[in-house]
N, C-alpha and C. Protein backbone atom coordinates (compact mmCIF):
# COMPACT_ATOMS: atom_id res chain seq x y z
N MET A 1 0.84 -1.17 0.00
CA MET A 1 0.00 0.00 0.00
C MET A 1 0.89 1.23 0.00
N ILE A 2 0.57 2.19 -0.86
CA ILE A 2 1.36 3.42 -0.97
C ILE A 2 0.45 4.62 -0.78
N VAL A 3 0.81 5.49 0.15
CA VAL A 3 0.07 6.74 0.36
C VAL A 3 0.89 7.86 -0.27
N LEU A 4 0.28 8.58 -1.21
CA LEU A 4 0.96 9.69 -1.86
C LEU A 4 0.83 10.94 -1.00
N GLY A 5 1.93 11.64 -0.85
CA GLY A 5 1.97 12.83 -0.02
C GLY A 5 1.20 13.99 -0.60
N ALA A 6 1.11 15.02 0.18
CA ALA A 6 0.48 16.29 -0.21
C ALA A 6 1.16 17.38 0.61
N ALA A 7 0.71 18.59 0.47
CA ALA A 7 1.40 19.75 1.02
C ALA A 7 1.63 19.69 2.52
N VAL A 8 2.85 20.07 2.89
CA VAL A 8 3.19 20.42 4.26
C VAL A 8 3.09 21.95 4.25
N ILE A 9 2.13 22.52 5.00
CA ILE A 9 1.79 23.95 4.84
C ILE A 9 2.69 24.91 5.61
N ALA A 10 3.44 24.38 6.55
CA ALA A 10 4.46 25.14 7.30
C ALA A 10 5.43 24.08 7.82
N PRO A 11 6.61 24.45 8.24
CA PRO A 11 7.56 23.43 8.69
C PRO A 11 6.94 22.44 9.69
N GLY A 12 6.84 21.17 9.24
CA GLY A 12 6.30 20.11 10.08
C GLY A 12 4.80 20.08 10.24
N VAL A 13 4.07 20.98 9.57
CA VAL A 13 2.61 21.07 9.74
C VAL A 13 1.92 20.48 8.51
N PRO A 14 1.20 19.36 8.68
CA PRO A 14 0.52 18.74 7.54
C PRO A 14 -0.67 19.57 7.08
N GLY A 15 -0.85 19.63 5.77
CA GLY A 15 -2.03 20.27 5.21
C GLY A 15 -3.20 19.31 5.27
N PRO A 16 -4.41 19.80 5.01
CA PRO A 16 -5.60 18.95 5.10
C PRO A 16 -5.57 17.76 4.13
N ALA A 17 -5.03 17.96 2.92
CA ALA A 17 -4.96 16.85 1.96
C ALA A 17 -4.03 15.75 2.46
N LEU A 18 -2.92 16.13 3.04
CA LEU A 18 -1.98 15.14 3.56
C LEU A 18 -2.62 14.35 4.69
N ILE A 19 -3.33 15.03 5.57
CA ILE A 19 -4.00 14.36 6.70
C ILE A 19 -5.06 13.38 6.19
N ARG A 20 -5.90 13.83 5.26
CA ARG A 20 -6.97 12.94 4.79
C ARG A 20 -6.41 11.76 4.01
N ARG A 21 -5.34 11.96 3.23
CA ARG A 21 -4.73 10.83 2.51
C ARG A 21 -4.13 9.82 3.49
N LEU A 22 -3.43 10.33 4.49
CA LEU A 22 -2.83 9.43 5.47
C LEU A 22 -3.90 8.67 6.24
N GLU A 23 -4.94 9.35 6.68
CA GLU A 23 -6.00 8.68 7.44
C GLU A 23 -6.71 7.63 6.59
N HIS A 24 -6.97 7.94 5.32
CA HIS A 24 -7.59 6.96 4.43
C HIS A 24 -6.64 5.79 4.19
N GLY A 25 -5.36 6.11 4.06
CA GLY A 25 -4.36 5.07 3.87
C GLY A 25 -4.27 4.13 5.06
N VAL A 26 -4.28 4.69 6.26
CA VAL A 26 -4.23 3.86 7.47
C VAL A 26 -5.48 2.98 7.56
N ALA A 27 -6.64 3.55 7.29
CA ALA A 27 -7.88 2.77 7.35
C ALA A 27 -7.87 1.65 6.30
N THR A 28 -7.40 1.94 5.10
CA THR A 28 -7.34 0.94 4.04
C THR A 28 -6.29 -0.12 4.37
N PHE A 29 -5.17 0.31 4.92
CA PHE A 29 -4.10 -0.60 5.36
C PHE A 29 -4.66 -1.61 6.36
N ARG A 30 -5.40 -1.12 7.32
CA ARG A 30 -5.98 -2.01 8.35
C ARG A 30 -7.05 -2.92 7.75
N ARG A 31 -7.90 -2.35 6.90
CA ARG A 31 -9.01 -3.11 6.32
C ARG A 31 -8.50 -4.24 5.42
N THR A 32 -7.45 -3.98 4.65
CA THR A 32 -6.94 -4.97 3.69
C THR A 32 -5.94 -5.94 4.29
N GLY A 33 -5.39 -5.60 5.45
CA GLY A 33 -4.38 -6.45 6.05
C GLY A 33 -3.05 -6.41 5.31
N ALA A 34 -2.78 -5.31 4.62
CA ALA A 34 -1.51 -5.16 3.90
C ALA A 34 -0.34 -5.28 4.89
N ALA A 35 0.77 -5.75 4.39
CA ALA A 35 1.94 -5.95 5.25
C ALA A 35 2.70 -4.65 5.49
N TYR A 36 2.72 -3.77 4.50
CA TYR A 36 3.51 -2.54 4.60
C TYR A 36 2.70 -1.34 4.15
N LEU A 37 3.06 -0.21 4.71
CA LEU A 37 2.46 1.07 4.35
C LEU A 37 3.61 1.96 3.90
N VAL A 38 3.69 2.19 2.58
CA VAL A 38 4.73 3.03 2.02
C VAL A 38 4.23 4.46 2.04
N LEU A 39 5.01 5.36 2.62
CA LEU A 39 4.67 6.77 2.71
C LEU A 39 5.58 7.51 1.73
N SER A 40 4.96 8.16 0.73
CA SER A 40 5.75 8.72 -0.36
C SER A 40 5.57 10.23 -0.47
N GLY A 41 6.68 10.95 -0.36
CA GLY A 41 6.66 12.40 -0.56
C GLY A 41 7.90 13.04 0.01
N GLY A 42 8.53 13.88 -0.77
CA GLY A 42 9.74 14.57 -0.35
C GLY A 42 9.44 15.97 0.16
N VAL A 43 10.46 16.79 0.20
CA VAL A 43 10.31 18.19 0.60
C VAL A 43 9.93 18.98 -0.65
N VAL A 44 8.77 19.63 -0.61
CA VAL A 44 8.33 20.43 -1.75
C VAL A 44 8.34 21.90 -1.37
N ALA A 45 7.56 22.28 -0.38
CA ALA A 45 7.52 23.69 0.03
C ALA A 45 8.20 23.91 1.38
N HIS A 46 7.91 23.05 2.32
CA HIS A 46 8.44 23.19 3.69
C HIS A 46 8.98 21.87 4.18
N PRO A 47 10.07 21.89 4.94
CA PRO A 47 10.56 20.65 5.54
C PRO A 47 9.72 20.28 6.75
N PRO A 48 9.80 19.07 7.21
CA PRO A 48 10.54 17.96 6.64
C PRO A 48 9.78 17.36 5.46
N ALA A 49 10.27 16.24 4.95
CA ALA A 49 9.62 15.56 3.83
C ALA A 49 8.19 15.18 4.20
N GLU A 50 7.32 15.19 3.20
CA GLU A 50 5.93 14.79 3.41
C GLU A 50 5.86 13.39 4.03
N ALA A 51 6.73 12.49 3.59
CA ALA A 51 6.75 11.12 4.13
C ALA A 51 7.03 11.13 5.63
N GLU A 52 7.92 11.98 6.07
CA GLU A 52 8.25 12.05 7.50
C GLU A 52 7.06 12.57 8.31
N VAL A 53 6.36 13.56 7.79
CA VAL A 53 5.18 14.08 8.48
C VAL A 53 4.11 12.99 8.54
N MET A 54 3.92 12.24 7.44
CA MET A 54 2.95 11.14 7.44
C MET A 54 3.37 10.04 8.41
N ARG A 55 4.67 9.76 8.51
CA ARG A 55 5.15 8.75 9.45
C ARG A 55 4.75 9.10 10.87
N ARG A 56 4.96 10.37 11.22
CA ARG A 56 4.60 10.82 12.57
C ARG A 56 3.09 10.63 12.81
N LEU A 57 2.27 11.00 11.82
CA LEU A 57 0.82 10.84 11.95
C LEU A 57 0.42 9.37 12.04
N ALA A 58 1.06 8.52 11.23
CA ALA A 58 0.73 7.09 11.25
C ALA A 58 1.05 6.47 12.61
N LEU A 59 2.20 6.85 13.16
CA LEU A 59 2.56 6.34 14.49
C LEU A 59 1.57 6.81 15.55
N GLN A 60 1.11 8.05 15.45
CA GLN A 60 0.11 8.57 16.39
C GLN A 60 -1.20 7.80 16.28
N ARG A 61 -1.46 7.24 15.11
CA ARG A 61 -2.69 6.50 14.88
C ARG A 61 -2.52 5.00 15.13
N GLY A 62 -1.38 4.62 15.71
CA GLY A 62 -1.17 3.25 16.14
C GLY A 62 -0.59 2.30 15.12
N VAL A 63 -0.10 2.79 14.01
CA VAL A 63 0.53 1.91 13.03
C VAL A 63 1.92 1.51 13.56
N ASP A 64 2.23 0.23 13.49
CA ASP A 64 3.52 -0.28 13.95
C ASP A 64 4.64 0.27 13.06
N GLU A 65 5.67 0.81 13.66
CA GLU A 65 6.77 1.39 12.90
C GLU A 65 7.41 0.39 11.95
N ALA A 66 7.40 -0.88 12.30
CA ALA A 66 8.00 -1.91 11.44
C ALA A 66 7.24 -2.07 10.13
N ALA A 67 5.98 -1.62 10.10
CA ALA A 67 5.18 -1.73 8.88
C ALA A 67 5.37 -0.53 7.95
N LEU A 68 6.05 0.52 8.42
CA LEU A 68 6.20 1.74 7.64
C LEU A 68 7.46 1.70 6.78
N VAL A 69 7.29 2.07 5.52
CA VAL A 69 8.40 2.17 4.57
C VAL A 69 8.40 3.61 4.07
N MET A 70 9.55 4.25 4.12
CA MET A 70 9.65 5.66 3.75
C MET A 70 10.21 5.85 2.35
N GLU A 71 9.57 6.68 1.58
CA GLU A 71 10.09 7.17 0.30
C GLU A 71 10.03 8.68 0.42
N ASP A 72 11.16 9.33 0.63
CA ASP A 72 11.14 10.75 0.99
C ASP A 72 11.83 11.66 -0.02
N ARG A 73 11.83 11.25 -1.30
CA ARG A 73 12.45 12.08 -2.33
C ARG A 73 11.45 12.65 -3.33
N ALA A 74 10.33 12.00 -3.55
CA ALA A 74 9.39 12.37 -4.60
C ALA A 74 8.81 13.76 -4.38
N ARG A 75 8.78 14.54 -5.47
CA ARG A 75 8.20 15.88 -5.41
C ARG A 75 6.97 16.03 -6.29
N ASN A 76 6.59 14.95 -6.99
CA ASN A 76 5.41 14.98 -7.85
C ASN A 76 4.95 13.55 -8.10
N THR A 77 3.86 13.39 -8.82
CA THR A 77 3.26 12.08 -9.03
C THR A 77 4.19 11.15 -9.80
N PHE A 78 4.85 11.66 -10.82
CA PHE A 78 5.79 10.83 -11.58
C PHE A 78 6.88 10.29 -10.67
N GLU A 79 7.45 11.16 -9.84
CA GLU A 79 8.51 10.71 -8.93
C GLU A 79 7.97 9.76 -7.87
N ASN A 80 6.72 9.97 -7.41
CA ASN A 80 6.11 9.00 -6.48
C ASN A 80 6.16 7.61 -7.10
N ALA A 81 5.71 7.51 -8.34
CA ALA A 81 5.67 6.21 -9.02
C ALA A 81 7.07 5.67 -9.27
N LEU A 82 7.96 6.53 -9.68
CA LEU A 82 9.32 6.10 -10.00
C LEU A 82 10.05 5.56 -8.76
N TYR A 83 10.07 6.36 -7.69
CA TYR A 83 10.79 5.95 -6.49
C TYR A 83 10.10 4.81 -5.75
N CYS A 84 8.77 4.83 -5.72
CA CYS A 84 8.06 3.72 -5.09
C CYS A 84 8.22 2.45 -5.93
N GLY A 85 8.29 2.63 -7.24
CA GLY A 85 8.51 1.49 -8.13
C GLY A 85 9.81 0.78 -7.82
N ARG A 86 10.83 1.54 -7.51
CA ARG A 86 12.11 0.93 -7.15
C ARG A 86 11.96 0.12 -5.85
N ILE A 87 11.25 0.66 -4.87
CA ILE A 87 11.02 -0.06 -3.61
C ILE A 87 10.25 -1.34 -3.88
N VAL A 88 9.17 -1.23 -4.66
CA VAL A 88 8.32 -2.38 -4.97
C VAL A 88 9.14 -3.47 -5.66
N ARG A 89 9.95 -3.08 -6.63
CA ARG A 89 10.77 -4.07 -7.35
C ARG A 89 11.85 -4.68 -6.44
N ASP A 90 12.51 -3.83 -5.65
CA ASP A 90 13.55 -4.35 -4.75
C ASP A 90 12.99 -5.34 -3.73
N GLU A 91 11.76 -5.09 -3.26
CA GLU A 91 11.14 -5.96 -2.27
C GLU A 91 10.46 -7.18 -2.90
N GLY A 92 10.29 -7.13 -4.22
CA GLY A 92 9.63 -8.25 -4.91
C GLY A 92 8.13 -8.27 -4.74
N TRP A 93 7.54 -7.13 -4.40
CA TRP A 93 6.09 -7.07 -4.25
C TRP A 93 5.45 -7.14 -5.63
N GLN A 94 4.34 -7.83 -5.72
CA GLN A 94 3.68 -8.02 -7.01
C GLN A 94 2.55 -7.05 -7.27
N ARG A 95 1.86 -6.65 -6.22
CA ARG A 95 0.69 -5.77 -6.38
C ARG A 95 0.73 -4.69 -5.32
N LEU A 96 0.11 -3.58 -5.64
CA LEU A 96 0.05 -2.52 -4.66
C LEU A 96 -1.25 -1.73 -4.80
N ILE A 97 -1.58 -1.04 -3.74
CA ILE A 97 -2.74 -0.15 -3.71
C ILE A 97 -2.20 1.25 -3.51
N VAL A 98 -2.61 2.16 -4.38
CA VAL A 98 -2.19 3.56 -4.29
C VAL A 98 -3.33 4.35 -3.65
N VAL A 99 -2.99 5.12 -2.61
CA VAL A 99 -3.97 5.94 -1.92
C VAL A 99 -3.66 7.41 -2.20
N THR A 100 -4.66 8.11 -2.71
CA THR A 100 -4.58 9.54 -2.97
C THR A 100 -6.00 10.07 -3.05
N ASP A 101 -6.15 11.37 -3.21
CA ASP A 101 -7.50 11.92 -3.37
C ASP A 101 -8.16 11.34 -4.61
N ALA A 102 -9.47 11.13 -4.56
CA ALA A 102 -10.19 10.52 -5.67
C ALA A 102 -9.99 11.30 -6.97
N TRP A 103 -9.93 12.64 -6.89
CA TRP A 103 -9.75 13.43 -8.11
C TRP A 103 -8.38 13.20 -8.75
N HIS A 104 -7.42 12.69 -8.00
CA HIS A 104 -6.05 12.49 -8.46
C HIS A 104 -5.75 11.03 -8.82
N LEU A 105 -6.63 10.13 -8.42
CA LEU A 105 -6.35 8.70 -8.52
C LEU A 105 -6.17 8.22 -9.95
N ARG A 106 -6.98 8.68 -10.87
CA ARG A 106 -6.88 8.21 -12.26
C ARG A 106 -5.50 8.46 -12.85
N ARG A 107 -5.00 9.68 -12.68
CA ARG A 107 -3.67 10.01 -13.21
C ARG A 107 -2.58 9.25 -12.47
N ALA A 108 -2.70 9.16 -11.15
CA ALA A 108 -1.67 8.45 -10.38
C ALA A 108 -1.57 7.00 -10.85
N LEU A 109 -2.71 6.33 -11.00
CA LEU A 109 -2.68 4.94 -11.46
C LEU A 109 -2.13 4.84 -12.88
N TYR A 110 -2.47 5.79 -13.72
CA TYR A 110 -1.94 5.80 -15.08
C TYR A 110 -0.41 5.82 -15.06
N VAL A 111 0.16 6.71 -14.26
CA VAL A 111 1.62 6.83 -14.20
C VAL A 111 2.25 5.57 -13.60
N PHE A 112 1.71 5.08 -12.50
CA PHE A 112 2.25 3.86 -11.89
C PHE A 112 2.22 2.71 -12.90
N ARG A 113 1.10 2.56 -13.60
CA ARG A 113 0.97 1.45 -14.55
C ARG A 113 1.89 1.64 -15.76
N ARG A 114 2.05 2.87 -16.23
CA ARG A 114 2.97 3.12 -17.35
C ARG A 114 4.40 2.77 -16.99
N LEU A 115 4.72 2.82 -15.71
CA LEU A 115 6.06 2.45 -15.25
C LEU A 115 6.14 0.96 -14.90
N GLY A 116 5.13 0.20 -15.34
CA GLY A 116 5.18 -1.24 -15.23
C GLY A 116 4.74 -1.83 -13.91
N LEU A 117 4.06 -1.06 -13.09
CA LEU A 117 3.62 -1.54 -11.78
C LEU A 117 2.17 -1.99 -11.83
N THR A 118 1.86 -3.10 -11.19
CA THR A 118 0.49 -3.57 -11.08
C THR A 118 -0.13 -2.86 -9.88
N ALA A 119 -1.00 -1.91 -10.17
CA ALA A 119 -1.53 -1.05 -9.10
C ALA A 119 -3.04 -0.92 -9.17
N GLY A 120 -3.64 -1.01 -8.00
CA GLY A 120 -5.04 -0.67 -7.82
C GLY A 120 -5.08 0.61 -7.00
N GLY A 121 -6.27 1.11 -6.75
CA GLY A 121 -6.33 2.38 -6.04
C GLY A 121 -7.41 2.43 -4.99
N ALA A 122 -7.19 3.35 -4.05
CA ALA A 122 -8.17 3.64 -3.00
C ALA A 122 -8.25 5.16 -2.92
N GLY A 123 -9.24 5.73 -3.60
CA GLY A 123 -9.39 7.18 -3.63
C GLY A 123 -10.06 7.72 -2.39
N VAL A 124 -9.51 8.81 -1.88
CA VAL A 124 -10.11 9.49 -0.74
C VAL A 124 -11.32 10.27 -1.24
N PRO A 125 -12.51 10.01 -0.69
CA PRO A 125 -13.69 10.75 -1.13
C PRO A 125 -13.63 12.22 -0.73
N ARG A 126 -14.45 13.01 -1.40
CA ARG A 126 -14.51 14.45 -1.11
C ARG A 126 -14.97 14.67 0.32
N PRO A 127 -14.15 15.39 1.12
CA PRO A 127 -14.58 15.69 2.49
C PRO A 127 -15.65 16.78 2.48
N ALA A 128 -16.45 16.80 3.53
CA ALA A 128 -17.56 17.75 3.61
C ALA A 128 -17.11 19.20 3.53
N GLN A 129 -15.91 19.51 4.05
CA GLN A 129 -15.46 20.90 4.07
C GLN A 129 -14.94 21.39 2.71
N VAL A 130 -14.85 20.49 1.74
CA VAL A 130 -14.43 20.88 0.39
C VAL A 130 -15.67 20.89 -0.49
N SER A 131 -15.95 22.04 -1.09
CA SER A 131 -17.15 22.17 -1.92
C SER A 131 -17.06 21.29 -3.16
N ARG A 132 -18.22 20.94 -3.69
CA ARG A 132 -18.26 20.16 -4.93
C ARG A 132 -17.58 20.93 -6.06
N ARG A 133 -17.77 22.22 -6.06
CA ARG A 133 -17.16 23.05 -7.10
C ARG A 133 -15.63 23.01 -7.02
N GLN A 134 -15.08 23.13 -5.82
CA GLN A 134 -13.63 23.07 -5.65
C GLN A 134 -13.11 21.69 -6.03
N TRP A 135 -13.81 20.62 -5.63
CA TRP A 135 -13.41 19.25 -5.95
C TRP A 135 -13.41 19.05 -7.47
N LEU A 136 -14.46 19.57 -8.13
CA LEU A 136 -14.55 19.46 -9.59
C LEU A 136 -13.41 20.22 -10.25
N ARG A 137 -13.08 21.41 -9.74
CA ARG A 137 -11.97 22.18 -10.28
C ARG A 137 -10.67 21.41 -10.18
N LEU A 138 -10.44 20.77 -9.04
CA LEU A 138 -9.24 19.95 -8.85
C LEU A 138 -9.22 18.80 -9.85
N ALA A 139 -10.38 18.17 -10.06
CA ALA A 139 -10.46 17.05 -11.00
C ALA A 139 -10.17 17.50 -12.42
N VAL A 140 -10.69 18.66 -12.80
CA VAL A 140 -10.46 19.17 -14.15
C VAL A 140 -8.98 19.53 -14.34
N GLU A 141 -8.39 20.21 -13.36
CA GLU A 141 -6.97 20.54 -13.44
C GLU A 141 -6.12 19.27 -13.54
N ASP A 142 -6.49 18.25 -12.78
CA ASP A 142 -5.72 17.02 -12.84
C ASP A 142 -5.94 16.30 -14.17
N GLY A 143 -7.10 16.47 -14.77
CA GLY A 143 -7.34 15.92 -16.10
C GLY A 143 -6.38 16.51 -17.12
N VAL A 144 -6.11 17.79 -17.00
CA VAL A 144 -5.14 18.44 -17.89
C VAL A 144 -3.75 17.86 -17.63
N ARG A 145 -3.39 17.69 -16.38
CA ARG A 145 -2.09 17.09 -16.04
C ARG A 145 -1.99 15.66 -16.55
N HIS A 146 -3.11 14.94 -16.50
CA HIS A 146 -3.15 13.57 -17.01
C HIS A 146 -2.86 13.58 -18.52
N ALA A 147 -3.51 14.47 -19.23
CA ALA A 147 -3.27 14.57 -20.68
C ALA A 147 -1.81 14.90 -20.97
N TRP A 148 -1.23 15.79 -20.18
CA TRP A 148 0.18 16.15 -20.37
C TRP A 148 1.09 14.94 -20.09
N SER A 149 0.79 14.19 -19.03
CA SER A 149 1.57 12.98 -18.74
C SER A 149 1.47 11.99 -19.89
N ALA A 150 0.26 11.79 -20.40
CA ALA A 150 0.07 10.87 -21.52
C ALA A 150 0.89 11.32 -22.73
N TYR A 151 0.88 12.61 -22.99
CA TYR A 151 1.67 13.15 -24.10
C TYR A 151 3.15 12.88 -23.89
N LEU A 152 3.65 13.14 -22.67
CA LEU A 152 5.07 12.92 -22.39
C LEU A 152 5.45 11.45 -22.56
N PHE A 153 4.61 10.55 -22.08
CA PHE A 153 4.89 9.13 -22.26
C PHE A 153 4.85 8.77 -23.75
N TRP A 154 3.87 9.26 -24.46
CA TRP A 154 3.72 8.97 -25.88
C TRP A 154 4.96 9.43 -26.66
N ARG A 155 5.48 10.60 -26.30
CA ARG A 155 6.66 11.14 -26.97
C ARG A 155 7.96 10.53 -26.43
N GLY A 156 7.87 9.73 -25.37
CA GLY A 156 9.07 9.15 -24.78
C GLY A 156 9.91 10.18 -24.04
N ARG A 157 9.26 11.21 -23.52
CA ARG A 157 9.99 12.30 -22.88
C ARG A 157 9.69 12.45 -21.39
N HIS A 158 9.05 11.48 -20.81
CA HIS A 158 8.76 11.56 -19.38
C HIS A 158 9.96 11.02 -18.61
N ARG A 159 10.94 11.90 -18.39
CA ARG A 159 12.18 11.55 -17.70
C ARG A 159 12.85 10.35 -18.36
N PRO A 160 13.15 10.43 -19.64
CA PRO A 160 13.62 9.25 -20.38
C PRO A 160 14.91 8.65 -19.84
N ARG A 161 15.85 9.45 -19.37
CA ARG A 161 17.11 8.88 -18.87
C ARG A 161 16.88 8.02 -17.65
N VAL A 162 16.06 8.49 -16.73
CA VAL A 162 15.80 7.73 -15.50
C VAL A 162 15.04 6.45 -15.84
N VAL A 163 14.02 6.57 -16.68
CA VAL A 163 13.22 5.41 -17.07
C VAL A 163 14.11 4.39 -17.78
N ALA A 164 14.96 4.84 -18.69
CA ALA A 164 15.84 3.93 -19.42
C ALA A 164 16.89 3.31 -18.49
N GLU A 165 17.42 4.10 -17.59
CA GLU A 165 18.42 3.59 -16.65
C GLU A 165 17.87 2.45 -15.82
N TRP A 166 16.59 2.51 -15.49
CA TRP A 166 15.98 1.47 -14.66
C TRP A 166 15.43 0.33 -15.50
N GLY A 167 15.55 0.43 -16.83
CA GLY A 167 15.08 -0.64 -17.70
C GLY A 167 13.57 -0.76 -17.77
N ILE A 168 12.87 0.37 -17.67
CA ILE A 168 11.41 0.38 -17.69
C ILE A 168 10.96 0.74 -19.09
N ASP A 169 10.06 -0.05 -19.66
CA ASP A 169 9.48 0.28 -20.95
C ASP A 169 8.21 1.08 -20.68
N SER A 170 8.30 2.40 -20.83
CA SER A 170 7.16 3.27 -20.48
C SER A 170 6.34 3.66 -21.69
N ARG A 171 6.67 3.12 -22.85
CA ARG A 171 5.89 3.48 -24.05
C ARG A 171 4.69 2.62 -24.21
């Protein structure tokens, strides 16, 4: 199971998206009986890494530290898939569940699968404090990003050196 990070809004302070993704990830982790919970996210705006902030939250929610795997370099969805893909391959895991907001899940799964990973998803539903209009706006913006990712993969330009170095056929 992989939880994708989101904004740390001030040093060490999780944003609402990060909290809801982590909480949904922990609930899904418990419900499915997954062996590991991979926390993925680097430093984007404020330190520490999103993965470290999620680790602290997961421990507060009773997740055993031995079940936590940290990926603390990714700064975007492509890097989440790339760096988590290396962990998945190194550990020999065959399947994974990606946890992110529902509006982001389609693109995240697209990228993970284009990098050769067998991935299912668990989308975080729209919370009550987020309006339908704002959620729809996020989904539309992510649809544009999805189209851009598809274009980059189609052209073979989605970080081609890294993809080639790892022997991944992303076309």
